[in-house]
Amino acid sequence: MIPTIGASGAIAGVMDAYLFLYPRALTLVPLVVILQVLSVPAPLFL
């Protein structure tokens, strides 16, 4: 048997790599309800 990783596992891996490579990066989060963009730290976003 060969283990497989679905799309959610791949996305989680990419997000973890982003957090590992850029721990102090800011992520822009669009807030559709109040039409504003919020900047939050990557660890808080993930």
C-alpha atoms as a PDB file:
ATOM      1  CA  MET A   1       0.000   0.000   0.000  1.00  0.00           C
ATOM      2  CA  ILE A   2       1.174   3.514  -0.862  1.00  0.00           C
ATOM      3  CA  PRO A   3       0.047   6.319   1.468  1.00  0.00           C
ATOM      4  CA  THR A   4      -1.580   9.265  -0.266  1.00  0.00           C
ATOM      5  CA  ILE A   5      -2.121  12.835   0.820  1.00  0.00           C
ATOM      6  CA  GLY A   6      -5.222  14.690  -0.274  1.00  0.00           C
ATOM      7  CA  ALA A   7      -5.498  18.335  -1.241  1.00  0.00           C
ATOM      8  CA  SER A   8      -6.086  19.451   2.351  1.00  0.00           C
ATOM      9  CA  GLY A   9      -2.843  17.776   3.454  1.00  0.00           C
ATOM     10  CA  ALA A  10      -0.938  19.497   0.641  1.00  0.00           C
ATOM     11  CA  ILE A  11      -2.388  22.900   1.539  1.00  0.00           C
ATOM     12  CA  ALA A  12      -1.533  22.386   5.205  1.00  0.00           C
ATOM     13  CA  GLY A  13       2.047  21.515   4.207  1.00  0.00           C
ATOM     14  CA  VAL A  14       2.400  24.675   2.127  1.00  0.00           C
ATOM     15  CA  MET A  15       1.001  26.805   4.957  1.00  0.00           C
ATOM     16  CA  ASP A  16       3.395  25.210   7.452  1.00  0.00           C
ATOM     17  CA  ALA A  17       6.334  25.834   5.105  1.00  0.00           C
ATOM     18  CA  TYR A  18       5.268  29.491   4.787  1.00  0.00           C
ATOM     19  CA  LEU A  19       5.144  29.820   8.575  1.00  0.00           C
ATOM     20  CA  PHE A  20       8.555  28.155   8.920  1.00  0.00           C
ATOM     21  CA  LEU A  21      10.231  30.295   6.227  1.00  0.00           C
ATOM     22  CA  TYR A  22       8.574  33.625   7.080  1.00  0.00           C
ATOM     23  CA  PRO A  23       7.612  33.582  10.795  1.00  0.00           C
ATOM     24  CA  ARG A  24       7.269  37.382  11.059  1.00  0.00           C
ATOM     25  CA  ALA A  25       5.454  37.948   7.769  1.00  0.00           C
ATOM     26  CA  LEU A  26       2.150  39.790   7.686  1.00  0.00           C
ATOM     27  CA  THR A  27      -0.779  38.295   5.816  1.00  0.00           C
ATOM     28  CA  LEU A  28      -3.533  40.386   4.262  1.00  0.00           C
ATOM     29  CA  VAL A  29      -7.008  39.088   5.072  1.00  0.00           C
ATOM     30  CA  PRO A  30      -9.907  40.613   3.131  1.00  0.00           C
ATOM     31  CA  LEU A  31     -12.943  41.268   5.293  1.00  0.00           C
ATOM     32  CA  VAL A  32     -15.896  41.163   2.915  1.00  0.00           C
ATOM     33  CA  VAL A  33     -18.505  42.093   5.497  1.00  0.00           C
ATOM     34  CA  ILE A  34     -17.090  45.568   6.246  1.00  0.00           C
ATOM     35  CA  LEU A  35     -15.078  46.030   2.992  1.00  0.00           C
ATOM     36  CA  GLN A  36     -11.693  46.381   4.664  1.00  0.00           C
ATOM     37  CA  VAL A  37      -8.354  44.537   4.499  1.00  0.00           C
ATOM     38  CA  LEU A  38      -6.807  43.442   7.782  1.00  0.00           C
ATOM     39  CA  SER A  39      -3.091  42.730   8.182  1.00  0.00           C
ATOM     40  CA  VAL A  40      -2.373  39.935  10.678  1.00  0.00           C
ATOM     41  CA  PRO A  41       0.842  38.050  11.570  1.00  0.00           C
ATOM     42  CA  ALA A  42       1.300  34.709   9.806  1.00  0.00           C
ATOM     43  CA  PRO A  43       1.278  32.576  13.000  1.00  0.00           C
ATOM     44  CA  LEU A  44      -2.029  34.093  14.082  1.00  0.00           C
ATOM     45  CA  PHE A  45      -3.531  33.544  10.626  1.00  0.00           C
ATOM     46  CA  LEU A  46      -2.411  29.932  10.426  1.00  0.00           C
END
